[in-house]
Amino acid sequence: MACFAVTPVADMQETLRITEIFYSLQGETRTAGLPTVFVRLTGCPLRCQYCDTAYAFSGGEIMTLDAILERVASYKPRYVCVTGGEPLAQPNCIPLLERLCDAGYEVSLETSGALDIAGVDSRVSRVVDLKTPGSAEVARNRYENLGLINRNDQVKFVLCSREDYDWAVSKLIEYRLDQRAGEVLFSPSHHELDARSLADWIVSDNLPVRLQLQLHKLLWNDEPGH
């Protein structure tokens, strides 16, 4: 009689490589200042020159979706943010987002926009970071994503210079982002662009965008786990 190996149940479950799961205040986007659970996935195909999460490029812990949902639930949150790295680099990010929505959380996804966002659950607020020339990864932008943006989504620009600002304004106009997205966010790159200068430019040009400062860096100097 032939013998067949039995695969443990845990091995058949969908898994993700996770850098960290923590509870803090959201530092960015439309929910800035609200207590949020962050699920940070490991790995990223981009190398933005200002990246502040290089520690998430490798390592991490393999976790089942059940284990992730259990950890998230332990904080009793209202808001959950799936971030990275680049979360969509792991295919099982898509079912994780769906299950978080099914659990009743208000869910956001922070993505570089270099990967296809079409498969993301419509209940998720997709925060698409359009890479500027100053990021050193402008060539990785997937502009097809901008045609998928809706009022539940947000488009973010991290600006390193006046040149980046002018480029972002041109994309705002070209893709009518203020009419597509619920929020268009202009954020100064930490230590590269003065926030007051950016504020003055936005006011002077009467732009339909929101100035975004990184609350977590102001409060905790961007220490891991905040």
Protein backbone atom coordinates (compact mmCIF):
# COMPACT_ATOMS: atom_id res chain seq x y z
CA MET A 1 0.00 0.00 0.00
CA ALA A 2 1.39 3.38 -0.96
CA CYS A 3 2.13 5.81 1.82
CA PHE A 4 1.46 9.51 1.45
CA ALA A 5 2.99 12.27 3.56
CA VAL A 6 0.45 14.39 5.36
CA THR A 7 1.10 18.12 5.01
CA PRO A 8 0.57 19.96 8.32
CA VAL A 9 -2.39 22.34 8.19
CA ALA A 10 -0.17 25.35 8.98
CA ASP A 11 1.97 24.58 5.90
CA MET A 12 -1.09 24.79 3.63
CA GLN A 13 -2.13 28.20 4.89
CA GLU A 14 -1.26 31.39 3.08
CA THR A 15 1.74 33.11 4.61
CA LEU A 16 3.57 36.42 4.45
CA ARG A 17 7.00 37.55 5.54
CA ILE A 18 6.43 40.22 8.19
CA THR A 19 9.00 42.71 9.51
CA GLU A 20 6.82 44.03 12.35
CA ILE A 21 3.29 44.53 13.62
CA PHE A 22 2.81 47.42 16.02
CA TYR A 23 0.26 49.89 17.35
CA SER A 24 0.90 53.62 17.16
CA LEU A 25 -0.50 56.86 15.77
CA GLN A 26 -0.81 57.14 12.03
CA GLY A 27 1.79 59.70 10.99
CA GLU A 28 0.56 60.37 7.46
CA THR A 29 -2.43 60.29 5.09
CA ARG A 30 -6.04 61.30 5.79
CA THR A 31 -6.08 59.37 9.08
CA ALA A 32 -2.99 61.09 10.53
CA GLY A 33 -3.10 61.22 14.30
CA LEU A 34 -5.48 58.27 14.69
CA PRO A 35 -4.40 55.14 16.62
CA THR A 36 -3.59 52.50 14.02
CA VAL A 37 -2.14 49.00 13.79
CA PHE A 38 0.69 48.79 11.25
CA VAL A 39 1.46 45.53 9.48
CA ARG A 40 4.86 46.01 7.82
CA LEU A 41 5.66 43.46 5.14
CA THR A 42 9.25 42.56 4.30
CA GLY A 43 10.88 43.25 0.95
CA CYS A 44 10.89 46.01 -1.68
CA PRO A 45 12.03 46.09 -5.32
CA LEU A 46 12.72 49.84 -5.15
CA ARG A 47 15.63 51.73 -3.61
CA CYS A 48 14.45 55.31 -3.08
CA GLN A 49 17.37 57.47 -1.99
CA TYR A 50 15.45 58.86 1.03
CA CYS A 51 14.05 55.52 2.22
CA ASP A 52 13.56 55.38 6.00
CA THR A 53 12.57 51.71 6.21
CA ALA A 54 15.59 49.94 4.73
CA TYR A 55 15.46 47.58 7.71
CA ALA A 56 12.37 46.05 6.05
CA PHE A 57 14.22 45.04 2.88
CA SER A 58 15.11 41.61 4.25
CA GLY A 59 14.70 39.31 7.23
CA GLY A 60 11.33 39.26 8.92
CA GLU A 61 9.19 36.40 10.21
CA ILE A 62 6.98 34.04 8.22
CA MET A 63 3.43 34.29 9.57
CA THR A 64 0.14 32.77 8.46
CA LEU A 65 -2.75 35.09 7.70
CA ASP A 66 -4.56 33.65 10.73
CA ALA A 67 -1.64 34.59 12.97
CA ILE A 68 -1.48 38.10 11.52
CA LEU A 69 -5.22 38.62 12.04
CA GLU A 70 -4.91 37.35 15.60
CA ARG A 71 -2.05 39.75 16.36
CA VAL A 72 -3.93 42.67 14.84
CA ALA A 73 -7.08 41.84 16.80
CA SER A 74 -5.15 41.83 20.08
CA TYR A 75 -4.84 45.63 19.82
CA LYS A 76 -8.59 46.12 19.27
CA PRO A 77 -7.95 48.72 16.54
CA ARG A 78 -10.32 50.64 14.30
CA TYR A 79 -7.68 51.37 11.67
CA VAL A 80 -5.12 49.04 10.09
CA CYS A 81 -2.37 50.11 7.69
CA VAL A 82 -0.53 47.53 5.58
CA THR A 83 2.84 48.94 4.63
CA GLY A 84 6.42 47.93 3.82
CA GLY A 85 8.80 47.75 2.12
CA GLU A 86 6.48 47.26 -0.79
CA PRO A 87 3.52 45.17 0.40
CA LEU A 88 2.32 44.19 -3.08
CA ALA A 89 5.66 42.49 -3.79
CA GLN A 90 4.19 39.57 -1.81
CA PRO A 91 1.15 38.10 -3.62
CA ASN A 92 -0.55 37.08 -0.38
CA CYS A 93 -0.87 40.74 0.54
CA ILE A 94 -4.07 40.74 -1.54
CA PRO A 95 -5.92 38.11 0.55
CA LEU A 96 -4.60 39.72 3.75
CA LEU A 97 -6.20 43.03 2.79
CA GLU A 98 -9.48 41.28 2.01
CA ARG A 99 -9.53 39.49 5.34
CA LEU A 100 -8.74 42.68 7.26
CA CYS A 101 -11.68 44.37 5.54
CA ASP A 102 -13.92 41.39 6.30
CA ALA A 103 -12.94 41.74 9.97
CA GLY A 104 -14.46 45.22 9.99
CA TYR A 105 -11.34 47.38 10.11
CA GLU A 106 -10.82 50.56 8.10
CA VAL A 107 -7.86 49.45 6.01
CA SER A 108 -5.24 51.40 4.07
CA LEU A 109 -2.41 50.16 1.87
CA GLU A 110 0.81 52.13 1.44
CA THR A 111 2.30 51.20 -1.95
CA SER A 112 4.99 52.67 -4.16
CA GLY A 113 2.73 52.49 -7.20
CA ALA A 114 5.37 50.53 -9.09
CA LEU A 115 3.19 47.40 -8.96
CA ASP A 116 -0.33 46.78 -10.22
CA ILE A 117 -3.01 47.88 -7.72
CA ALA A 118 -5.95 46.48 -9.70
CA GLY A 119 -6.36 43.39 -7.50
CA VAL A 120 -6.64 45.31 -4.23
CA ASP A 121 -10.02 45.06 -2.49
CA SER A 122 -12.16 48.10 -3.30
CA ARG A 123 -12.78 48.67 0.41
CA VAL A 124 -9.10 49.46 0.94
CA SER A 125 -7.82 53.03 0.69
CA ARG A 126 -4.83 52.69 -1.63
CA VAL A 127 -2.16 55.27 -0.80
CA VAL A 128 -0.10 55.41 -3.99
CA ASP A 129 3.31 57.05 -3.66
CA LEU A 130 4.14 58.49 -7.08
CA LYS A 131 7.94 58.61 -7.22
CA THR A 132 9.49 61.96 -8.10
CA PRO A 133 12.77 62.49 -9.98
CA GLY A 134 14.47 63.26 -6.66
CA SER A 135 13.58 59.81 -5.33
CA ALA A 136 15.96 58.19 -7.88
CA GLU A 137 13.13 55.77 -8.78
CA VAL A 138 10.91 57.88 -11.06
CA ALA A 139 11.35 55.35 -13.86
CA ARG A 140 9.54 52.72 -11.78
CA ASN A 141 6.20 54.54 -11.75
CA ARG A 142 3.34 52.48 -13.16
CA TYR A 143 1.16 55.25 -14.56
CA GLU A 144 -1.60 52.78 -15.46
CA ASN A 145 -2.40 52.75 -11.74
CA LEU A 146 -3.52 56.37 -11.90
CA GLY A 147 -6.41 55.37 -14.13
CA LEU A 148 -7.64 53.05 -11.36
CA ILE A 149 -7.60 55.66 -8.59
CA ASN A 150 -10.95 56.56 -7.04
CA ARG A 151 -12.24 58.81 -4.24
CA ASN A 152 -11.41 56.20 -1.61
CA ASP A 153 -7.74 56.37 -2.63
CA GLN A 154 -4.90 58.79 -1.96
CA VAL A 155 -1.94 59.86 -4.07
CA LYS A 156 1.25 60.93 -2.32
CA PHE A 157 4.29 62.83 -3.58
CA VAL A 158 7.47 62.96 -1.47
CA LEU A 159 9.27 66.08 -2.66
CA CYS A 160 13.01 66.65 -2.44
CA SER A 161 13.31 70.03 -4.21
CA ARG A 162 11.55 72.79 -6.14
CA GLU A 163 12.14 70.70 -9.27
CA ASP A 164 10.24 67.82 -7.67
CA TYR A 165 7.43 70.21 -6.74
CA ASP A 166 7.09 71.47 -10.32
CA TRP A 167 7.13 67.88 -11.61
CA ALA A 168 4.42 66.87 -9.12
CA VAL A 169 2.24 69.82 -10.14
CA SER A 170 2.55 68.75 -13.77
CA LYS A 171 1.38 65.22 -12.88
CA LEU A 172 -1.45 66.60 -10.75
CA ILE A 173 -2.71 68.51 -13.80
CA GLU A 174 -1.98 65.85 -16.43
CA TYR A 175 -3.83 63.07 -14.60
CA ARG A 176 -6.45 65.30 -12.92
CA LEU A 177 -5.51 63.69 -9.64
CA ASP A 178 -7.50 66.09 -7.48
CA GLN A 179 -10.64 64.92 -9.32
CA ARG A 180 -9.78 61.21 -9.15
CA ALA A 181 -8.35 60.73 -5.66
CA GLY A 182 -9.92 61.51 -2.31
CA GLU A 183 -6.66 63.15 -1.23
CA VAL A 184 -3.53 64.39 -2.99
CA LEU A 185 -0.69 64.65 -0.49
CA PHE A 186 2.48 66.72 -0.88
CA SER A 187 5.12 65.78 1.67
CA PRO A 188 8.60 67.30 2.09
CA SER A 189 11.43 64.77 2.17
CA HIS A 190 12.83 64.85 5.70
CA HIS A 191 16.01 67.01 5.87
CA GLU A 192 15.88 67.69 2.10
CA LEU A 193 13.04 70.17 1.58
CA ASP A 194 11.96 72.82 4.05
CA ALA A 195 8.32 72.28 5.01
CA ARG A 196 7.61 76.01 5.22
CA SER A 197 8.87 76.54 1.68
CA LEU A 198 6.59 73.79 0.43
CA ALA A 199 3.67 75.32 2.31
CA ASP A 200 4.36 78.72 0.72
CA TRP A 201 4.47 77.19 -2.79
CA ILE A 202 1.17 75.36 -2.28
CA VAL A 203 -0.55 78.53 -1.05
CA SER A 204 0.97 80.70 -3.76
CA ASP A 205 -0.22 78.32 -6.49
CA ASN A 206 -3.58 77.68 -4.79
CA LEU A 207 -3.15 73.95 -5.28
CA PRO A 208 -5.95 71.46 -4.43
CA VAL A 209 -3.56 69.34 -2.35
CA ARG A 210 -2.91 68.68 1.33
CA LEU A 211 0.47 69.48 2.89
CA GLN A 212 1.55 66.40 4.80
CA LEU A 213 4.13 66.34 7.56
CA GLN A 214 5.30 63.05 9.03
CA LEU A 215 3.85 63.13 12.53
CA HIS A 216 5.81 60.07 13.66
CA LYS A 217 9.11 61.81 12.88
CA LEU A 218 8.09 64.92 14.81
CA LEU A 219 7.02 62.87 17.85
CA TRP A 220 9.46 59.96 17.93
CA ASN A 221 12.25 60.85 15.48
CA ASP A 222 11.04 57.92 13.35
CA GLU A 223 12.23 55.23 15.75
CA PRO A 224 11.32 51.68 14.61
CA GLY A 225 8.02 50.54 16.09
CA HIS A 226 6.40 54.01 15.89
